[in-house]
């Protein structure tokens, strides 16, 4: 059986440059912020921990966005969306995906204790089978 290769559209120069810059910037931020956090984190006060976690979050978002641009990864795109969106937006996005039948979204909603959306294939709860 002959396998036909998957054809993907070419990537523009802007996307190539952006993905490399984002991955490099994310890696540099993680290295720059991670070293003081590991080496002298026990002496951090509240303000330093807030600053540390903010820069660490930004480095992860940059690296994931660059990874998404390089590999067109859905997982990286979702991770960036969850990192950037607030809690209510993320839950609304999960409910919408679960309504379409996404099993991972349904499982995530179960873990969060959210009510599951009714699937279109599910019969309504109040309907009973008719008997003659």
N, C-alpha and C. Protein backbone atom coordinates (compact mmCIF):
# COMPACT_ATOMS: atom_id res chain seq x y z
N UNK A 1 0.84 -1.17 0.00
CA UNK A 1 0.00 0.00 0.00
C UNK A 1 0.90 1.24 0.00
N UNK A 2 0.61 2.14 -0.92
CA UNK A 2 1.40 3.35 -1.05
C UNK A 2 0.80 4.43 -0.16
N UNK A 3 1.66 5.01 0.64
CA UNK A 3 1.19 6.04 1.57
C UNK A 3 1.45 7.42 0.96
N UNK A 4 0.40 8.23 0.92
CA UNK A 4 0.51 9.57 0.36
C UNK A 4 0.96 10.52 1.46
N UNK A 5 2.04 11.29 1.23
CA UNK A 5 2.49 12.21 2.29
C UNK A 5 1.49 13.34 2.50
N UNK A 6 1.41 13.77 3.74
CA UNK A 6 0.50 14.86 4.10
C UNK A 6 1.10 16.18 3.62
N UNK A 7 0.33 16.94 2.87
CA UNK A 7 0.80 18.21 2.33
C UNK A 7 0.40 19.32 3.29
N UNK A 8 1.38 20.07 3.75
CA UNK A 8 1.11 21.20 4.62
C UNK A 8 1.50 22.48 3.88
N UNK A 9 0.74 23.52 4.08
CA UNK A 9 1.08 24.77 3.40
C UNK A 9 2.41 25.32 3.91
N UNK A 10 3.16 26.01 3.06
CA UNK A 10 4.45 26.55 3.50
C UNK A 10 4.27 27.61 4.58
N UNK A 11 5.28 27.72 5.41
CA UNK A 11 5.26 28.67 6.50
C UNK A 11 5.96 29.94 6.04
N UNK A 12 5.34 31.08 6.33
CA UNK A 12 5.92 32.36 5.93
C UNK A 12 7.13 32.75 6.76
N UNK A 13 7.89 33.73 6.26
CA UNK A 13 9.10 34.17 6.95
C UNK A 13 8.79 34.77 8.31
N UNK A 14 7.70 35.51 8.40
CA UNK A 14 7.33 36.13 9.68
C UNK A 14 7.09 35.08 10.75
N UNK A 15 6.40 34.01 10.37
CA UNK A 15 6.12 32.95 11.34
C UNK A 15 7.40 32.24 11.76
N UNK A 16 8.31 32.00 10.80
CA UNK A 16 9.58 31.34 11.14
C UNK A 16 10.40 32.18 12.12
N UNK A 17 10.49 33.47 11.85
CA UNK A 17 11.27 34.35 12.72
C UNK A 17 10.60 34.47 14.09
N UNK A 18 9.27 34.63 14.10
CA UNK A 18 8.54 34.79 15.36
C UNK A 18 8.67 33.57 16.25
N UNK A 19 8.57 32.39 15.67
CA UNK A 19 8.64 31.19 16.50
C UNK A 19 10.03 31.03 17.12
N UNK A 20 11.08 31.35 16.36
CA UNK A 20 12.43 31.24 16.93
C UNK A 20 12.66 32.27 18.03
N UNK A 21 12.18 33.48 17.81
CA UNK A 21 12.34 34.54 18.82
C UNK A 21 11.58 34.18 20.09
N UNK A 22 10.34 33.68 19.95
CA UNK A 22 9.54 33.34 21.13
C UNK A 22 10.14 32.17 21.91
N UNK A 23 10.60 31.15 21.21
CA UNK A 23 11.21 30.02 21.92
C UNK A 23 12.48 30.47 22.62
N UNK A 24 13.32 31.25 21.93
CA UNK A 24 14.56 31.73 22.55
C UNK A 24 14.26 32.64 23.74
N UNK A 25 13.32 33.56 23.58
CA UNK A 25 12.98 34.47 24.67
C UNK A 25 12.39 33.71 25.86
N UNK A 26 11.53 32.73 25.58
CA UNK A 26 10.97 31.91 26.66
C UNK A 26 12.04 31.12 27.39
N UNK A 27 12.97 30.53 26.64
CA UNK A 27 14.05 29.76 27.27
C UNK A 27 14.95 30.67 28.09
N UNK A 28 15.28 31.85 27.55
CA UNK A 28 16.11 32.79 28.30
C UNK A 28 15.43 33.26 29.58
N UNK A 29 14.13 33.56 29.49
CA UNK A 29 13.40 33.98 30.69
C UNK A 29 13.37 32.88 31.74
N UNK A 30 13.11 31.65 31.28
CA UNK A 30 13.07 30.54 32.23
C UNK A 30 14.43 30.32 32.89
N UNK A 31 15.51 30.43 32.10
CA UNK A 31 16.84 30.25 32.67
C UNK A 31 17.20 31.41 33.60
N UNK A 32 16.90 32.62 33.18
CA UNK A 32 17.24 33.81 33.97
C UNK A 32 16.48 33.85 35.29
N UNK A 33 15.21 33.49 35.24
CA UNK A 33 14.38 33.54 36.45
C UNK A 33 14.54 32.27 37.27
N UNK A 34 14.74 31.14 36.59
CA UNK A 34 14.82 29.87 37.31
C UNK A 34 16.04 29.74 38.19
N UNK A 35 17.19 30.28 37.72
CA UNK A 35 18.41 30.15 38.51
C UNK A 35 18.30 30.83 39.88
N UNK A 36 17.90 32.11 39.96
CA UNK A 36 17.76 32.70 41.31
C UNK A 36 16.68 32.00 42.14
N UNK A 37 15.63 31.51 41.48
CA UNK A 37 14.58 30.82 42.21
C UNK A 37 15.07 29.54 42.85
N UNK A 38 15.95 28.83 42.14
CA UNK A 38 16.49 27.57 42.67
C UNK A 38 17.60 27.84 43.68
N UNK A 39 18.49 28.77 43.36
CA UNK A 39 19.66 28.97 44.21
C UNK A 39 19.36 29.75 45.48
N UNK A 40 18.49 30.77 45.42
CA UNK A 40 18.27 31.58 46.62
C UNK A 40 16.78 31.80 46.89
N UNK A 41 15.96 30.85 46.53
CA UNK A 41 14.52 30.98 46.71
C UNK A 41 14.07 31.03 48.15
N UNK A 42 14.84 30.43 49.04
CA UNK A 42 14.40 30.41 50.44
C UNK A 42 14.51 31.78 51.09
N UNK A 43 15.28 32.70 50.49
CA UNK A 43 15.41 34.05 51.04
C UNK A 43 14.45 35.04 50.39
N UNK A 44 13.61 34.54 49.49
CA UNK A 44 12.66 35.42 48.80
C UNK A 44 11.59 35.88 49.77
N UNK A 45 11.20 37.16 49.66
CA UNK A 45 10.04 37.67 50.37
C UNK A 45 8.82 37.54 49.46
N UNK A 46 7.71 38.08 49.89
CA UNK A 46 6.48 37.98 49.11
C UNK A 46 6.61 38.67 47.75
N UNK A 47 7.18 39.87 47.73
CA UNK A 47 7.31 40.61 46.47
C UNK A 47 8.20 39.87 45.48
N UNK A 48 9.27 39.25 45.95
CA UNK A 48 10.16 38.51 45.06
C UNK A 48 9.46 37.28 44.49
N UNK A 49 8.65 36.59 45.33
CA UNK A 49 7.94 35.41 44.83
C UNK A 49 6.89 35.79 43.79
N UNK A 50 6.22 36.91 43.99
CA UNK A 50 5.24 37.37 42.99
C UNK A 50 5.95 37.70 41.68
N UNK A 51 7.06 38.42 41.78
CA UNK A 51 7.83 38.77 40.59
C UNK A 51 8.37 37.50 39.91
N UNK A 52 8.89 36.57 40.70
CA UNK A 52 9.43 35.31 40.18
C UNK A 52 8.36 34.52 39.44
N UNK A 53 7.20 34.38 40.05
CA UNK A 53 6.15 33.59 39.41
C UNK A 53 5.61 34.28 38.16
N UNK A 54 5.55 35.60 38.15
CA UNK A 54 5.09 36.32 36.95
C UNK A 54 6.04 36.14 35.79
N UNK A 55 7.35 36.29 36.05
CA UNK A 55 8.33 36.11 34.97
C UNK A 55 8.39 34.66 34.52
N UNK A 56 8.26 33.73 35.45
CA UNK A 56 8.25 32.32 35.09
C UNK A 56 7.05 31.99 34.22
N UNK A 57 5.89 32.52 34.58
CA UNK A 57 4.67 32.32 33.78
C UNK A 57 4.87 32.88 32.37
N UNK A 58 5.43 34.07 32.26
CA UNK A 58 5.65 34.69 30.96
C UNK A 58 6.61 33.88 30.10
N UNK A 59 7.67 33.35 30.71
CA UNK A 59 8.61 32.50 29.97
C UNK A 59 7.96 31.25 29.44
N UNK A 60 7.11 30.62 30.24
CA UNK A 60 6.41 29.41 29.80
C UNK A 60 5.44 29.74 28.66
N UNK A 61 4.73 30.86 28.76
CA UNK A 61 3.79 31.25 27.70
C UNK A 61 4.54 31.52 26.40
N UNK A 62 5.67 32.22 26.47
CA UNK A 62 6.46 32.49 25.27
C UNK A 62 6.97 31.19 24.64
N UNK A 63 7.50 30.30 25.46
CA UNK A 63 8.03 29.04 24.93
C UNK A 63 6.92 28.19 24.31
N UNK A 64 5.77 28.10 24.98
CA UNK A 64 4.67 27.32 24.42
C UNK A 64 4.12 27.94 23.14
N UNK A 65 4.06 29.26 23.06
CA UNK A 65 3.59 29.91 21.85
C UNK A 65 4.56 29.65 20.70
N UNK A 66 5.85 29.72 20.96
CA UNK A 66 6.84 29.39 19.93
C UNK A 66 6.72 27.94 19.49
N UNK A 67 6.54 27.03 20.44
CA UNK A 67 6.36 25.62 20.11
C UNK A 67 5.11 25.41 19.26
N UNK A 68 4.05 26.12 19.59
CA UNK A 68 2.81 26.03 18.81
C UNK A 68 3.05 26.50 17.39
N UNK A 69 3.80 27.59 17.22
CA UNK A 69 4.08 28.09 15.87
C UNK A 69 5.00 27.16 15.10
N UNK A 70 5.91 26.47 15.77
CA UNK A 70 6.82 25.56 15.07
C UNK A 70 6.08 24.30 14.63
N UNK A 71 5.39 23.65 15.54
CA UNK A 71 4.82 22.34 15.27
C UNK A 71 3.32 22.33 15.04
N UNK A 72 2.69 23.49 15.13
CA UNK A 72 1.23 23.60 14.99
C UNK A 72 0.53 22.63 15.95
N UNK A 73 1.03 22.60 17.16
CA UNK A 73 0.55 21.67 18.18
C UNK A 73 -0.72 22.17 18.84
N UNK A 74 -1.76 21.34 18.85
CA UNK A 74 -3.01 21.71 19.51
C UNK A 74 -2.83 21.75 21.03
N UNK A 75 -2.01 20.85 21.54
CA UNK A 75 -1.78 20.81 22.99
C UNK A 75 -1.11 22.10 23.46
N UNK A 76 -0.11 22.56 22.72
CA UNK A 76 0.56 23.81 23.09
C UNK A 76 -0.40 24.99 22.98
N UNK A 77 -1.24 24.99 21.95
CA UNK A 77 -2.21 26.08 21.79
C UNK A 77 -3.19 26.11 22.96
N UNK A 78 -3.67 24.95 23.37
CA UNK A 78 -4.60 24.89 24.51
C UNK A 78 -3.93 25.30 25.81
N UNK A 79 -2.67 24.89 25.98
CA UNK A 79 -1.95 25.27 27.20
C UNK A 79 -1.77 26.77 27.28
N UNK A 80 -1.45 27.41 26.15
CA UNK A 80 -1.32 28.87 26.14
C UNK A 80 -2.67 29.52 26.43
N UNK A 81 -3.73 28.97 25.83
CA UNK A 81 -5.06 29.54 26.06
C UNK A 81 -5.44 29.45 27.54
N UNK A 82 -5.18 28.33 28.17
CA UNK A 82 -5.51 28.18 29.59
C UNK A 82 -4.62 29.06 30.47
N UNK A 83 -3.37 29.27 30.04
CA UNK A 83 -2.48 30.13 30.84
C UNK A 83 -2.88 31.59 30.74
N UNK A 84 -3.42 32.00 29.61
CA UNK A 84 -3.73 33.40 29.39
C UNK A 84 -5.16 33.74 29.81
N UNK A 85 -6.09 32.85 29.57
CA UNK A 85 -7.48 33.13 29.90
C UNK A 85 -7.70 33.05 31.41
N UNK A 86 -8.68 33.77 31.89
CA UNK A 86 -9.01 33.65 33.30
C UNK A 86 -9.82 32.37 33.51
N UNK A 87 -10.12 32.07 34.74
CA UNK A 87 -10.75 30.80 35.10
C UNK A 87 -12.11 30.62 34.45
N UNK A 88 -12.95 31.65 34.46
CA UNK A 88 -14.29 31.51 33.89
C UNK A 88 -14.25 31.31 32.38
N UNK A 89 -13.34 32.02 31.70
CA UNK A 89 -13.20 31.84 30.25
C UNK A 89 -12.73 30.42 29.93
N UNK A 90 -11.79 29.92 30.72
CA UNK A 90 -11.28 28.57 30.49
C UNK A 90 -12.38 27.53 30.69
N UNK A 91 -13.20 27.70 31.72
CA UNK A 91 -14.30 26.76 31.96
C UNK A 91 -15.35 26.84 30.86
N UNK A 92 -15.63 28.06 30.38
CA UNK A 92 -16.58 28.22 29.27
C UNK A 92 -16.05 27.53 28.03
N UNK A 93 -14.75 27.64 27.78
CA UNK A 93 -14.12 27.01 26.63
C UNK A 93 -14.19 25.49 26.76
N UNK A 94 -13.97 24.98 27.97
CA UNK A 94 -14.07 23.53 28.21
C UNK A 94 -15.49 23.03 27.99
N UNK A 95 -16.49 23.79 28.49
CA UNK A 95 -17.88 23.36 28.30
C UNK A 95 -18.24 23.31 26.81
N UNK A 96 -17.76 24.28 26.05
CA UNK A 96 -18.05 24.30 24.62
C UNK A 96 -17.42 23.09 23.92
N UNK A 97 -16.18 22.76 24.29
CA UNK A 97 -15.50 21.59 23.71
C UNK A 97 -16.18 20.30 24.14
N UNK A 98 -16.64 20.24 25.39
CA UNK A 98 -17.33 19.04 25.87
C UNK A 98 -18.67 18.85 25.16
N UNK A 99 -19.34 19.95 24.85
CA UNK A 99 -20.61 19.85 24.14
C UNK A 99 -20.42 19.27 22.74
N UNK A 100 -19.24 19.47 22.17
CA UNK A 100 -18.95 18.92 20.85
C UNK A 100 -18.52 17.46 20.93
N UNK A 101 -18.36 16.94 22.15
CA UNK A 101 -18.02 15.53 22.33
C UNK A 101 -16.55 15.27 22.62
N UNK A 102 -15.78 16.29 22.93
CA UNK A 102 -14.36 16.12 23.24
C UNK A 102 -14.24 15.41 24.59
N UNK A 103 -13.68 14.19 24.57
CA UNK A 103 -13.61 13.39 25.79
C UNK A 103 -12.64 13.97 26.81
N UNK A 104 -11.55 14.61 26.36
CA UNK A 104 -10.62 15.21 27.29
C UNK A 104 -11.26 16.39 28.03
N UNK A 105 -12.07 17.16 27.32
CA UNK A 105 -12.76 18.28 27.96
C UNK A 105 -13.80 17.77 28.96
N UNK A 106 -14.49 16.70 28.62
CA UNK A 106 -15.48 16.11 29.53
C UNK A 106 -14.78 15.63 30.80
N UNK A 107 -13.63 14.98 30.65
CA UNK A 107 -12.90 14.49 31.81
C UNK A 107 -12.39 15.65 32.67
N UNK A 108 -11.93 16.72 32.02
CA UNK A 108 -11.45 17.89 32.77
C UNK A 108 -12.60 18.53 33.55
N UNK A 109 -13.79 18.60 32.94
CA UNK A 109 -14.95 19.16 33.64
C UNK A 109 -15.34 18.30 34.83
N UNK A 110 -15.24 17.00 34.69
CA UNK A 110 -15.53 16.09 35.81
C UNK A 110 -14.58 16.34 36.97
N UNK A 111 -13.27 16.51 36.63
CA UNK A 111 -12.28 16.74 37.68
C UNK A 111 -12.50 18.08 38.38
N UNK A 112 -13.01 19.07 37.64
CA UNK A 112 -13.28 20.37 38.23
C UNK A 112 -14.60 20.42 38.99
N UNK A 113 -15.42 19.37 38.85
CA UNK A 113 -16.71 19.34 39.53
C UNK A 113 -17.76 20.18 38.83
N UNK A 114 -17.57 20.46 37.55
CA UNK A 114 -18.52 21.26 36.77
C UNK A 114 -19.63 20.37 36.25
N UNK A 115 -20.83 20.93 36.06
CA UNK A 115 -21.90 20.13 35.45
C UNK A 115 -21.56 19.88 33.98
N UNK A 116 -21.83 18.66 33.56
CA UNK A 116 -21.53 18.29 32.17
C UNK A 116 -22.65 18.74 31.24
N UNK A 117 -22.29 19.23 30.05
CA UNK A 117 -23.34 19.60 29.09
C UNK A 117 -24.03 18.35 28.56
N UNK A 118 -25.29 18.48 28.21
CA UNK A 118 -26.05 17.35 27.69
C UNK A 118 -25.64 17.14 26.24
N UNK A 119 -25.29 15.91 25.93
CA UNK A 119 -24.90 15.58 24.56
C UNK A 119 -26.15 15.52 23.68
N UNK A 120 -26.05 15.96 22.42
CA UNK A 120 -27.21 15.90 21.53
C UNK A 120 -27.71 14.48 21.31
N UNK A 121 -26.81 13.48 21.42
CA UNK A 121 -27.23 12.09 21.20
C UNK A 121 -27.92 11.50 22.43
N UNK A 122 -27.76 12.15 23.59
CA UNK A 122 -28.39 11.65 24.81
C UNK A 122 -29.89 11.94 24.77
N UNK A 123 -30.72 10.99 25.21
CA UNK A 123 -32.15 11.28 25.27
C UNK A 123 -32.43 12.24 26.42
N UNK A 124 -33.45 13.07 26.32
CA UNK A 124 -33.80 13.96 27.43
C UNK A 124 -34.13 13.16 28.68
N UNK A 125 -33.86 13.72 29.83
CA UNK A 125 -34.05 13.00 31.08
C UNK A 125 -35.52 12.70 31.38
N UNK A 126 -36.44 13.60 31.00
CA UNK A 126 -37.83 13.40 31.34
C UNK A 126 -38.59 12.48 30.39
N UNK A 127 -37.99 12.12 29.25
CA UNK A 127 -38.71 11.26 28.30
C UNK A 127 -38.62 9.81 28.75
N UNK A 128 -39.72 9.12 28.63
CA UNK A 128 -39.77 7.70 28.99
C UNK A 128 -40.18 6.94 27.74
N UNK A 129 -39.71 5.72 27.60
CA UNK A 129 -40.10 4.95 26.43
C UNK A 129 -41.61 4.68 26.45
N UNK A 130 -42.22 4.85 25.31
CA UNK A 130 -43.67 4.63 25.20
C UNK A 130 -43.96 3.15 25.06
N UNK A 131 -44.94 2.67 25.81
CA UNK A 131 -45.36 1.28 25.72
C UNK A 131 -46.82 1.24 25.31
N UNK A 132 -47.18 0.26 24.54
CA UNK A 132 -48.56 0.12 24.09
C UNK A 132 -49.26 -0.96 24.83
